[in-house]
């Protein structure tokens, strides 16, 4: 296995020392390998979550595009029209929450 020299901050050195004193690992190399394994697992989970989010956004985009192509949208040209639509949505949400 190749040798790699790294510099640790005081805090990291204290953590490593504490872990080694606990007996959880036989040496610093073993502890660092476990730390790297955990970092790799965390990054894999982050990558998976990002892919799930990207897939969801692609689905929403496809649904939105299909709605637009069907003409299933409203055109809003002024702030007043936007306010009216937002008020209508708000009122529907209030009515729905009160009926639940």
N, C-alpha and C. Protein backbone atom coordinates (compact mmCIF):
# COMPACT_ATOMS: atom_id res chain seq x y z
N UNK A 1 0.85 -1.17 0.00
CA UNK A 1 0.00 0.00 0.00
C UNK A 1 0.91 1.24 0.00
N UNK A 2 0.58 2.24 -0.85
CA UNK A 2 1.43 3.44 -0.90
C UNK A 2 1.35 4.24 0.40
N UNK A 3 2.41 4.94 0.69
CA UNK A 3 2.48 5.77 1.88
C UNK A 3 2.16 7.21 1.49
N UNK A 4 1.36 7.85 2.32
CA UNK A 4 0.97 9.23 2.09
C UNK A 4 1.18 9.99 3.39
N UNK A 5 1.86 11.12 3.31
CA UNK A 5 2.08 11.94 4.49
C UNK A 5 1.07 13.07 4.47
N UNK A 6 0.39 13.26 5.60
CA UNK A 6 -0.59 14.35 5.72
C UNK A 6 -0.30 15.16 6.97
N UNK A 7 -0.72 16.41 6.95
CA UNK A 7 -0.61 17.26 8.13
C UNK A 7 -1.99 17.39 8.74
N UNK A 8 -2.07 17.18 10.04
CA UNK A 8 -3.33 17.29 10.75
C UNK A 8 -3.38 18.59 11.55
N UNK A 9 -4.57 19.14 11.66
CA UNK A 9 -4.75 20.27 12.56
C UNK A 9 -4.64 19.74 13.99
N UNK A 10 -4.48 20.63 14.93
CA UNK A 10 -4.43 20.20 16.33
C UNK A 10 -5.69 19.45 16.71
N UNK A 11 -6.82 19.98 16.27
CA UNK A 11 -8.10 19.35 16.59
C UNK A 11 -8.18 17.93 16.01
N UNK A 12 -7.77 17.77 14.75
CA UNK A 12 -7.80 16.45 14.13
C UNK A 12 -6.84 15.50 14.82
N UNK A 13 -5.69 16.00 15.22
CA UNK A 13 -4.71 15.18 15.92
C UNK A 13 -5.26 14.72 17.27
N UNK A 14 -5.98 15.60 17.96
CA UNK A 14 -6.59 15.24 19.24
C UNK A 14 -7.67 14.17 19.05
N UNK A 15 -8.44 14.31 18.01
CA UNK A 15 -9.49 13.32 17.72
C UNK A 15 -8.85 11.97 17.43
N UNK A 16 -7.84 11.97 16.57
CA UNK A 16 -7.15 10.73 16.22
C UNK A 16 -6.54 10.09 17.47
N UNK A 17 -5.92 10.88 18.30
CA UNK A 17 -5.31 10.37 19.52
C UNK A 17 -6.37 9.74 20.43
N UNK A 18 -7.49 10.41 20.58
CA UNK A 18 -8.58 9.91 21.43
C UNK A 18 -9.12 8.58 20.89
N UNK A 19 -9.28 8.51 19.57
CA UNK A 19 -9.79 7.28 18.95
C UNK A 19 -8.80 6.13 19.16
N UNK A 20 -7.53 6.42 19.00
CA UNK A 20 -6.52 5.37 19.18
C UNK A 20 -6.45 4.91 20.64
N UNK A 21 -6.55 5.85 21.59
CA UNK A 21 -6.52 5.49 23.01
C UNK A 21 -7.72 4.64 23.41
N UNK A 22 -8.84 4.83 22.69
CA UNK A 22 -10.04 4.05 23.01
C UNK A 22 -9.90 2.59 22.62
N UNK A 23 -8.93 2.31 21.76
CA UNK A 23 -8.72 0.93 21.32
C UNK A 23 -9.58 0.53 20.13
N UNK A 24 -10.33 1.49 19.59
CA UNK A 24 -11.20 1.18 18.46
C UNK A 24 -10.40 0.80 17.22
N UNK A 25 -9.19 1.34 17.10
CA UNK A 25 -8.32 1.04 15.96
C UNK A 25 -6.92 0.73 16.47
N UNK A 26 -6.21 -0.10 15.73
CA UNK A 26 -4.86 -0.49 16.17
C UNK A 26 -3.82 0.56 15.86
N UNK A 27 -4.04 1.35 14.80
CA UNK A 27 -3.07 2.39 14.46
C UNK A 27 -3.76 3.51 13.67
N UNK A 28 -3.02 4.59 13.45
CA UNK A 28 -3.55 5.77 12.77
C UNK A 28 -3.99 5.44 11.35
N UNK A 29 -3.27 4.58 10.69
CA UNK A 29 -3.61 4.22 9.32
C UNK A 29 -4.99 3.56 9.26
N UNK A 30 -5.24 2.66 10.17
CA UNK A 30 -6.54 1.98 10.22
C UNK A 30 -7.67 2.97 10.48
N UNK A 31 -7.44 3.89 11.40
CA UNK A 31 -8.45 4.91 11.73
C UNK A 31 -8.71 5.82 10.53
N UNK A 32 -7.66 6.24 9.85
CA UNK A 32 -7.81 7.11 8.69
C UNK A 32 -8.54 6.38 7.55
N UNK A 33 -8.23 5.10 7.36
CA UNK A 33 -8.92 4.33 6.32
C UNK A 33 -10.42 4.25 6.61
N UNK A 34 -10.77 4.05 7.86
CA UNK A 34 -12.19 4.02 8.23
C UNK A 34 -12.83 5.37 7.99
N UNK A 35 -12.13 6.43 8.35
CA UNK A 35 -12.66 7.78 8.11
C UNK A 35 -12.89 8.02 6.62
N UNK A 36 -11.96 7.61 5.80
CA UNK A 36 -12.11 7.77 4.35
C UNK A 36 -13.26 6.93 3.81
N UNK A 37 -13.41 5.72 4.37
CA UNK A 37 -14.53 4.87 3.95
C UNK A 37 -15.86 5.54 4.26
N UNK A 38 -15.96 6.13 5.45
CA UNK A 38 -17.19 6.83 5.84
C UNK A 38 -17.43 8.06 4.96
N UNK A 39 -16.37 8.80 4.64
CA UNK A 39 -16.52 9.94 3.74
C UNK A 39 -17.02 9.50 2.37
N UNK A 40 -16.49 8.37 1.89
CA UNK A 40 -16.92 7.84 0.60
C UNK A 40 -18.39 7.46 0.64
N UNK A 41 -18.82 6.83 1.72
CA UNK A 41 -20.24 6.46 1.87
C UNK A 41 -21.12 7.70 1.90
N UNK A 42 -20.68 8.73 2.62
CA UNK A 42 -21.46 9.97 2.71
C UNK A 42 -21.58 10.62 1.34
N UNK A 43 -20.48 10.65 0.60
CA UNK A 43 -20.51 11.26 -0.74
C UNK A 43 -21.42 10.47 -1.67
N UNK A 44 -21.40 9.15 -1.56
CA UNK A 44 -22.28 8.32 -2.39
C UNK A 44 -23.75 8.62 -2.08
N UNK A 45 -24.07 8.81 -0.80
CA UNK A 45 -25.44 9.15 -0.41
C UNK A 45 -25.84 10.51 -0.96
N UNK A 46 -24.92 11.48 -0.90
CA UNK A 46 -25.19 12.82 -1.45
C UNK A 46 -25.41 12.73 -2.95
N UNK A 47 -24.56 11.98 -3.64
CA UNK A 47 -24.70 11.82 -5.08
C UNK A 47 -26.04 11.19 -5.44
N UNK A 48 -26.45 10.18 -4.67
CA UNK A 48 -27.73 9.51 -4.92
C UNK A 48 -28.89 10.48 -4.70
N UNK A 49 -28.82 11.27 -3.64
CA UNK A 49 -29.87 12.24 -3.35
C UNK A 49 -29.97 13.28 -4.47
N UNK A 50 -28.82 13.73 -4.97
CA UNK A 50 -28.82 14.71 -6.05
C UNK A 50 -29.42 14.12 -7.32
N UNK A 51 -29.17 12.84 -7.59
CA UNK A 51 -29.74 12.19 -8.76
C UNK A 51 -31.26 12.06 -8.63
N UNK A 52 -31.73 11.75 -7.42
CA UNK A 52 -33.17 11.66 -7.17
C UNK A 52 -33.81 13.02 -7.40
N UNK A 53 -33.19 14.08 -6.91
CA UNK A 53 -33.71 15.44 -7.11
C UNK A 53 -33.73 15.80 -8.58
N UNK A 54 -32.65 15.47 -9.30
CA UNK A 54 -32.57 15.77 -10.73
C UNK A 54 -33.65 15.02 -11.49
N UNK A 55 -33.88 13.75 -11.14
CA UNK A 55 -34.92 12.96 -11.81
C UNK A 55 -36.30 13.58 -11.55
N UNK A 56 -36.52 14.04 -10.32
CA UNK A 56 -37.80 14.67 -9.98
C UNK A 56 -37.99 15.96 -10.78
N UNK A 57 -36.93 16.76 -10.90
CA UNK A 57 -37.02 17.99 -11.67
C UNK A 57 -37.27 17.70 -13.16
N UNK A 58 -36.63 16.65 -13.69
CA UNK A 58 -36.89 16.27 -15.09
C UNK A 58 -38.34 15.87 -15.28
N UNK A 59 -38.91 15.14 -14.30
CA UNK A 59 -40.32 14.74 -14.35
C UNK A 59 -41.22 15.97 -14.34
N UNK A 60 -40.94 16.91 -13.43
CA UNK A 60 -41.74 18.13 -13.36
C UNK A 60 -41.66 18.93 -14.66
N UNK A 61 -40.48 19.00 -15.23
CA UNK A 61 -40.30 19.71 -16.50
C UNK A 61 -41.11 19.06 -17.60
N UNK A 62 -41.08 17.74 -17.67
CA UNK A 62 -41.85 17.03 -18.70
C UNK A 62 -43.35 17.26 -18.51
N UNK A 63 -43.81 17.21 -17.26
CA UNK A 63 -45.23 17.45 -16.98
C UNK A 63 -45.62 18.89 -17.33
N UNK A 64 -44.77 19.82 -16.99
CA UNK A 64 -45.05 21.24 -17.28
C UNK A 64 -45.08 21.49 -18.78
N UNK A 65 -44.14 20.89 -19.50
CA UNK A 65 -44.09 21.05 -20.95
C UNK A 65 -45.34 20.47 -21.59
N UNK A 66 -45.76 19.30 -21.12
CA UNK A 66 -46.98 18.68 -21.65
C UNK A 66 -48.20 19.55 -21.38
N UNK A 67 -48.28 20.13 -20.18
CA UNK A 67 -49.41 21.02 -19.84
C UNK A 67 -49.42 22.23 -20.76
N UNK A 68 -48.26 22.81 -20.97
CA UNK A 68 -48.15 23.98 -21.84
C UNK A 68 -48.58 23.64 -23.27
N UNK A 69 -48.09 22.50 -23.76
CA UNK A 69 -48.42 22.10 -25.13
C UNK A 69 -49.90 21.81 -25.30
N UNK A 70 -50.59 21.37 -24.23
CA UNK A 70 -52.04 21.14 -24.27
C UNK A 70 -52.81 22.45 -24.16
N UNK A 71 -52.11 23.51 -23.85
CA UNK A 71 -52.78 24.79 -23.63
C UNK A 71 -53.36 24.90 -22.23
N UNK A 72 -52.91 24.06 -21.35
CA UNK A 72 -53.42 24.01 -19.98
C UNK A 72 -52.61 24.99 -19.11
N UNK A 73 -52.85 26.26 -19.31
CA UNK A 73 -52.18 27.30 -18.54
C UNK A 73 -52.99 28.58 -18.62
N UNK A 74 -52.65 29.52 -17.77
CA UNK A 74 -53.29 30.83 -17.85
C UNK A 74 -52.21 31.86 -18.15
N UNK A 75 -52.59 32.86 -18.86
CA UNK A 75 -51.65 33.92 -19.19
C UNK A 75 -51.85 35.07 -18.21
N UNK A 76 -50.77 35.52 -17.63
CA UNK A 76 -50.80 36.62 -16.67
C UNK A 76 -49.90 37.72 -17.21
N UNK A 77 -50.48 38.88 -17.42
CA UNK A 77 -49.72 39.97 -18.03
C UNK A 77 -49.46 41.15 -17.11
N UNK A 78 -50.18 41.23 -16.02
CA UNK A 78 -50.01 42.38 -15.13
C UNK A 78 -49.89 41.91 -13.68
N UNK A 79 -49.42 42.80 -12.84
CA UNK A 79 -49.34 42.50 -11.42
C UNK A 79 -50.73 42.26 -10.83
N UNK A 80 -51.70 42.99 -11.33
CA UNK A 80 -53.07 42.84 -10.83
C UNK A 80 -53.61 41.45 -11.16
N UNK A 81 -53.35 40.98 -12.37
CA UNK A 81 -53.79 39.64 -12.74
C UNK A 81 -53.10 38.59 -11.86
N UNK A 82 -51.83 38.79 -11.60
CA UNK A 82 -51.09 37.87 -10.74
C UNK A 82 -51.69 37.86 -9.33
N UNK A 83 -51.97 39.03 -8.80
CA UNK A 83 -52.58 39.13 -7.47
C UNK A 83 -53.91 38.39 -7.43
N UNK A 84 -54.73 38.55 -8.47
CA UNK A 84 -56.04 37.90 -8.51
C UNK A 84 -55.89 36.38 -8.53
N UNK A 85 -54.97 35.88 -9.32
CA UNK A 85 -54.75 34.44 -9.40
C UNK A 85 -54.24 33.92 -8.06
N UNK A 86 -53.30 34.62 -7.46
CA UNK A 86 -52.76 34.20 -6.17
C UNK A 86 -53.86 34.20 -5.09
N UNK A 87 -54.72 35.18 -5.12
CA UNK A 87 -55.83 35.24 -4.16
C UNK A 87 -56.77 34.06 -4.36
N UNK A 88 -57.05 33.73 -5.60
CA UNK A 88 -57.93 32.59 -5.90
C UNK A 88 -57.30 31.28 -5.38
N UNK A 89 -56.03 31.12 -5.60
CA UNK A 89 -55.32 29.92 -5.12
C UNK A 89 -55.36 29.87 -3.59
N UNK A 90 -55.13 31.02 -2.97
CA UNK A 90 -55.15 31.09 -1.51
C UNK A 90 -56.52 30.72 -0.97
N UNK A 91 -57.57 31.26 -1.57
CA UNK A 91 -58.93 30.98 -1.11
C UNK A 91 -59.27 29.50 -1.27
N UNK A 92 -58.85 28.89 -2.36
CA UNK A 92 -59.08 27.45 -2.57
C UNK A 92 -58.35 26.63 -1.51
N UNK A 93 -57.13 27.04 -1.17
CA UNK A 93 -56.36 26.32 -0.16
C UNK A 93 -57.01 26.44 1.20
N UNK A 94 -57.50 27.62 1.53
CA UNK A 94 -58.19 27.84 2.81
C UNK A 94 -59.44 26.98 2.87
N UNK A 95 -60.22 26.99 1.81
CA UNK A 95 -61.46 26.20 1.79
C UNK A 95 -61.15 24.71 1.93
N UNK A 96 -60.11 24.25 1.26
CA UNK A 96 -59.74 22.84 1.31
C UNK A 96 -59.28 22.46 2.72
N UNK A 97 -58.50 23.34 3.38
CA UNK A 97 -58.01 23.03 4.72
C UNK A 97 -59.16 23.02 5.74
N UNK A 98 -60.15 23.84 5.51
CA UNK A 98 -61.28 23.89 6.44
C UNK A 98 -62.21 22.71 6.27
N UNK A 99 -62.23 22.13 5.08
CA UNK A 99 -63.10 20.98 4.85
C UNK A 99 -62.44 19.66 5.26
N UNK A 100 -61.17 19.72 5.54
CA UNK A 100 -60.44 18.48 5.88
C UNK A 100 -60.58 18.10 7.32
